[in-house]
Amino acid sequence: MDALAAWGSQQSVQQWTEQEISNSLFAWAILTAAAGRDTASMRALAQHLFKEASRRGAARFTVKNDLGKLYGAHLEAQHVNLPGGGLADSELLRIA
């Protein structure tokens, strides 16, 4: 899992869809919360994806399911004190 997270954190996620980003962050949150998988590689991946989600902003994440996943991942980021704290876009956080 760490090798996959390390690989993912080095990828250009600008080509990923919003659904891929929200699904990946949700998977990170589940692995971190339920399985205790809080490694440096997993944190780097989450930070990378949160940065991209915040860069895109609220207008790009329009599917309610994606927003719910982003919010759940944001709450886990807050819980584990992820550097950067999860979503940085206040408009995105408000609608999620």
N, C-alpha and C. Protein backbone atom coordinates (compact mmCIF):
# COMPACT_ATOMS: atom_id res chain seq x y z
N MET A 1 0.82 -1.18 0.00
CA MET A 1 0.00 0.00 0.00
C MET A 1 0.88 1.25 0.00
N ASP A 2 1.96 1.21 0.76
CA ASP A 2 2.84 2.37 0.82
C ASP A 2 3.49 2.66 -0.53
N ALA A 3 3.86 1.62 -1.24
CA ALA A 3 4.49 1.80 -2.56
C ALA A 3 3.50 2.46 -3.52
N LEU A 4 2.25 2.04 -3.47
CA LEU A 4 1.22 2.64 -4.32
C LEU A 4 0.99 4.10 -3.93
N ALA A 5 0.95 4.39 -2.65
CA ALA A 5 0.77 5.76 -2.19
C ALA A 5 1.96 6.64 -2.60
N ALA A 6 3.16 6.09 -2.48
CA ALA A 6 4.36 6.85 -2.88
C ALA A 6 4.32 7.14 -4.38
N TRP A 7 3.92 6.14 -5.17
CA TRP A 7 3.79 6.34 -6.61
C TRP A 7 2.73 7.41 -6.91
N GLY A 8 1.57 7.30 -6.26
CA GLY A 8 0.48 8.24 -6.50
C GLY A 8 0.83 9.67 -6.14
N SER A 9 1.61 9.84 -5.09
CA SER A 9 1.97 11.19 -4.66
C SER A 9 2.93 11.86 -5.63
N GLN A 10 3.54 11.09 -6.53
CA GLN A 10 4.46 11.64 -7.52
C GLN A 10 3.80 11.86 -8.89
N GLN A 11 2.55 11.46 -9.02
CA GLN A 11 1.86 11.56 -10.30
C GLN A 11 1.29 12.97 -10.52
N SER A 12 1.17 13.31 -11.77
CA SER A 12 0.48 14.55 -12.13
C SER A 12 -1.01 14.24 -12.11
N VAL A 13 -1.70 14.73 -11.12
CA VAL A 13 -3.13 14.43 -10.98
C VAL A 13 -4.01 15.44 -11.70
N GLN A 14 -3.39 16.33 -12.45
CA GLN A 14 -4.18 17.31 -13.20
C GLN A 14 -5.05 16.65 -14.25
N GLN A 15 -4.69 15.44 -14.69
CA GLN A 15 -5.48 14.71 -15.68
C GLN A 15 -6.56 13.84 -15.03
N TRP A 16 -6.53 13.73 -13.72
CA TRP A 16 -7.52 12.91 -13.03
C TRP A 16 -8.87 13.63 -13.01
N THR A 17 -9.94 12.84 -13.02
CA THR A 17 -11.27 13.44 -12.89
C THR A 17 -11.53 13.77 -11.42
N GLU A 18 -12.54 14.58 -11.20
CA GLU A 18 -12.92 14.92 -9.83
C GLU A 18 -13.35 13.66 -9.08
N GLN A 19 -14.00 12.76 -9.77
CA GLN A 19 -14.42 11.51 -9.13
C GLN A 19 -13.21 10.69 -8.70
N GLU A 20 -12.19 10.63 -9.52
CA GLU A 20 -10.97 9.90 -9.17
C GLU A 20 -10.29 10.51 -7.95
N ILE A 21 -10.27 11.82 -7.89
CA ILE A 21 -9.66 12.50 -6.75
C ILE A 21 -10.45 12.24 -5.48
N SER A 22 -11.78 12.42 -5.55
CA SER A 22 -12.59 12.22 -4.35
C SER A 22 -12.58 10.76 -3.91
N ASN A 23 -12.61 9.82 -4.85
CA ASN A 23 -12.55 8.40 -4.49
C ASN A 23 -11.22 8.06 -3.83
N SER A 24 -10.13 8.60 -4.35
CA SER A 24 -8.81 8.33 -3.78
C SER A 24 -8.68 8.91 -2.38
N LEU A 25 -9.19 10.12 -2.19
CA LEU A 25 -9.14 10.71 -0.85
C LEU A 25 -10.03 9.96 0.13
N PHE A 26 -11.16 9.49 -0.34
CA PHE A 26 -12.04 8.72 0.53
C PHE A 26 -11.38 7.40 0.92
N ALA A 27 -10.73 6.75 -0.04
CA ALA A 27 -9.99 5.51 0.26
C ALA A 27 -8.88 5.78 1.27
N TRP A 28 -8.19 6.90 1.10
CA TRP A 28 -7.14 7.28 2.07
C TRP A 28 -7.75 7.43 3.47
N ALA A 29 -8.89 8.09 3.56
CA ALA A 29 -9.54 8.31 4.86
C ALA A 29 -9.94 6.99 5.50
N ILE A 30 -10.49 6.08 4.72
CA ILE A 30 -10.90 4.77 5.25
C ILE A 30 -9.68 3.99 5.74
N LEU A 31 -8.64 3.94 4.93
CA LEU A 31 -7.43 3.21 5.33
C LEU A 31 -6.79 3.82 6.56
N THR A 32 -6.81 5.13 6.65
CA THR A 32 -6.21 5.80 7.80
C THR A 32 -7.03 5.57 9.06
N ALA A 33 -8.34 5.72 8.94
CA ALA A 33 -9.21 5.61 10.12
C ALA A 33 -9.41 4.16 10.57
N ALA A 34 -9.73 3.29 9.65
CA ALA A 34 -10.12 1.93 10.01
C ALA A 34 -8.93 0.98 10.14
N ALA A 35 -7.94 1.16 9.31
CA ALA A 35 -6.83 0.22 9.30
C ALA A 35 -5.56 0.78 9.94
N GLY A 36 -5.61 2.02 10.38
CA GLY A 36 -4.44 2.62 11.01
C GLY A 36 -3.27 2.81 10.07
N ARG A 37 -3.54 2.99 8.79
CA ARG A 37 -2.49 3.15 7.78
C ARG A 37 -2.11 4.62 7.66
N ASP A 38 -1.43 5.14 8.65
CA ASP A 38 -1.03 6.54 8.66
C ASP A 38 0.48 6.62 8.49
N THR A 39 0.93 6.44 7.24
CA THR A 39 2.36 6.44 6.95
C THR A 39 2.73 7.72 6.22
N ALA A 40 4.02 7.97 6.10
CA ALA A 40 4.49 9.16 5.39
C ALA A 40 4.04 9.15 3.93
N SER A 41 4.07 8.00 3.30
CA SER A 41 3.63 7.90 1.90
C SER A 41 2.14 8.19 1.77
N MET A 42 1.35 7.66 2.68
CA MET A 42 -0.10 7.90 2.65
C MET A 42 -0.40 9.38 2.89
N ARG A 43 0.33 10.00 3.82
CA ARG A 43 0.14 11.43 4.08
C ARG A 43 0.52 12.27 2.87
N ALA A 44 1.61 11.91 2.21
CA ALA A 44 2.05 12.65 1.02
C ALA A 44 1.01 12.56 -0.09
N LEU A 45 0.44 11.38 -0.27
CA LEU A 45 -0.61 11.21 -1.28
C LEU A 45 -1.82 12.08 -0.94
N ALA A 46 -2.27 12.04 0.30
CA ALA A 46 -3.43 12.83 0.70
C ALA A 46 -3.17 14.32 0.51
N GLN A 47 -2.01 14.79 0.92
CA GLN A 47 -1.68 16.21 0.76
C GLN A 47 -1.70 16.60 -0.72
N HIS A 48 -1.14 15.74 -1.56
CA HIS A 48 -1.08 15.97 -3.00
C HIS A 48 -2.49 16.09 -3.58
N LEU A 49 -3.37 15.19 -3.18
CA LEU A 49 -4.74 15.19 -3.71
C LEU A 49 -5.57 16.33 -3.14
N PHE A 50 -5.41 16.64 -1.86
CA PHE A 50 -6.14 17.79 -1.28
C PHE A 50 -5.73 19.09 -1.97
N LYS A 51 -4.45 19.22 -2.26
CA LYS A 51 -3.96 20.43 -2.94
C LYS A 51 -4.62 20.56 -4.31
N GLU A 52 -4.70 19.45 -5.05
CA GLU A 52 -5.33 19.49 -6.37
C GLU A 52 -6.83 19.78 -6.26
N ALA A 53 -7.51 19.17 -5.31
CA ALA A 53 -8.94 19.44 -5.13
C ALA A 53 -9.18 20.91 -4.80
N SER A 54 -8.37 21.46 -3.94
CA SER A 54 -8.52 22.87 -3.57
C SER A 54 -8.17 23.78 -4.75
N ARG A 55 -7.19 23.39 -5.56
CA ARG A 55 -6.82 24.18 -6.72
C ARG A 55 -7.98 24.25 -7.72
N ARG A 56 -8.68 23.14 -7.87
CA ARG A 56 -9.80 23.10 -8.82
C ARG A 56 -10.99 23.91 -8.32
N GLY A 57 -11.24 23.87 -7.04
CA GLY A 57 -12.33 24.66 -6.47
C GLY A 57 -13.70 24.03 -6.57
N ALA A 58 -14.64 24.71 -5.97
CA ALA A 58 -16.00 24.20 -5.80
C ALA A 58 -16.74 23.96 -7.10
N ALA A 59 -16.50 24.78 -8.10
CA ALA A 59 -17.25 24.67 -9.34
C ALA A 59 -17.00 23.35 -10.07
N ARG A 60 -15.87 22.73 -9.83
CA ARG A 60 -15.53 21.48 -10.53
C ARG A 60 -16.11 20.24 -9.85
N PHE A 61 -16.37 20.31 -8.57
CA PHE A 61 -16.91 19.16 -7.83
C PHE A 61 -18.40 19.36 -7.65
N THR A 62 -19.16 18.88 -8.61
CA THR A 62 -20.60 19.14 -8.59
C THR A 62 -21.44 17.93 -8.20
N VAL A 63 -20.89 16.75 -8.24
CA VAL A 63 -21.64 15.55 -7.88
C VAL A 63 -21.65 15.43 -6.35
N LYS A 64 -22.84 15.34 -5.78
CA LYS A 64 -22.98 15.31 -4.32
C LYS A 64 -22.17 14.17 -3.69
N ASN A 65 -22.12 13.02 -4.34
CA ASN A 65 -21.36 11.89 -3.82
C ASN A 65 -19.87 12.24 -3.69
N ASP A 66 -19.33 12.92 -4.71
CA ASP A 66 -17.92 13.34 -4.66
C ASP A 66 -17.69 14.33 -3.53
N LEU A 67 -18.61 15.24 -3.34
CA LEU A 67 -18.49 16.23 -2.26
C LEU A 67 -18.53 15.56 -0.89
N GLY A 68 -19.40 14.57 -0.74
CA GLY A 68 -19.47 13.85 0.54
C GLY A 68 -18.18 13.11 0.84
N LYS A 69 -17.59 12.53 -0.19
CA LYS A 69 -16.31 11.83 -0.01
C LYS A 69 -15.20 12.81 0.35
N LEU A 70 -15.19 13.95 -0.31
CA LEU A 70 -14.19 14.97 0.00
C LEU A 70 -14.33 15.44 1.44
N TYR A 71 -15.56 15.65 1.88
CA TYR A 71 -15.78 16.12 3.24
C TYR A 71 -15.36 15.06 4.27
N GLY A 72 -15.70 13.81 4.01
CA GLY A 72 -15.27 12.74 4.92
C GLY A 72 -13.76 12.65 5.01
N ALA A 73 -13.10 12.78 3.88
CA ALA A 73 -11.63 12.76 3.88
C ALA A 73 -11.08 13.98 4.61
N HIS A 74 -11.72 15.13 4.43
CA HIS A 74 -11.29 16.34 5.13
C HIS A 74 -11.39 16.15 6.65
N LEU A 75 -12.47 15.55 7.11
CA LEU A 75 -12.63 15.31 8.55
C LEU A 75 -11.54 14.40 9.09
N GLU A 76 -11.17 13.37 8.32
CA GLU A 76 -10.10 12.47 8.74
C GLU A 76 -8.76 13.20 8.75
N ALA A 77 -8.55 14.07 7.76
CA ALA A 77 -7.32 14.86 7.73
C ALA A 77 -7.20 15.74 8.97
N GLN A 78 -8.32 16.31 9.38
CA GLN A 78 -8.33 17.12 10.60
C GLN A 78 -8.05 16.24 11.82
N HIS A 79 -8.63 15.06 11.84
CA HIS A 79 -8.49 14.13 12.97
C HIS A 79 -7.04 13.67 13.16
N VAL A 80 -6.34 13.41 12.07
CA VAL A 80 -4.96 12.92 12.17
C VAL A 80 -3.93 14.05 12.07
N ASN A 81 -4.42 15.29 12.07
CA ASN A 81 -3.53 16.46 11.98
C ASN A 81 -2.63 16.42 10.75
N LEU A 82 -3.23 16.11 9.61
CA LEU A 82 -2.49 16.09 8.35
C LEU A 82 -1.96 17.49 8.08
N PRO A 83 -0.67 17.65 7.83
CA PRO A 83 -0.15 18.98 7.49
C PRO A 83 -0.92 19.56 6.31
N GLY A 84 -1.36 20.76 6.44
CA GLY A 84 -2.22 21.38 5.44
C GLY A 84 -3.68 21.28 5.82
N GLY A 85 -4.03 20.30 6.65
CA GLY A 85 -5.36 20.20 7.23
C GLY A 85 -6.49 19.77 6.32
N GLY A 86 -6.21 19.26 5.14
CA GLY A 86 -7.30 18.83 4.28
C GLY A 86 -7.64 19.86 3.22
N LEU A 87 -8.92 20.14 3.05
CA LEU A 87 -9.35 21.08 2.02
C LEU A 87 -8.96 22.51 2.40
N ALA A 88 -8.35 23.20 1.47
CA ALA A 88 -7.95 24.59 1.72
C ALA A 88 -8.92 25.58 1.09
N ASP A 89 -9.73 25.13 0.15
CA ASP A 89 -10.68 26.00 -0.54
C ASP A 89 -11.93 26.16 0.32
N SER A 90 -12.14 27.35 0.86
CA SER A 90 -13.25 27.54 1.79
C SER A 90 -14.60 27.35 1.11
N GLU A 91 -14.74 27.71 -0.15
CA GLU A 91 -15.99 27.51 -0.87
C GLU A 91 -16.25 26.03 -1.07
N LEU A 92 -15.23 25.29 -1.42
CA LEU A 92 -15.37 23.84 -1.58
C LEU A 92 -15.74 23.18 -0.25
N LEU A 93 -15.10 23.60 0.81
CA LEU A 93 -15.41 23.06 2.13
C LEU A 93 -16.83 23.41 2.55
N ARG A 94 -17.29 24.60 2.24
CA ARG A 94 -18.64 25.03 2.62
C ARG A 94 -19.71 24.19 1.94
N ILE A 95 -19.54 23.89 0.65
CA ILE A 95 -20.58 23.13 -0.04
C ILE A 95 -20.46 21.63 0.17
N ALA A 96 -19.27 21.17 0.59
CA ALA A 96 -19.09 19.74 0.84
C ALA A 96 -19.82 19.39 2.11
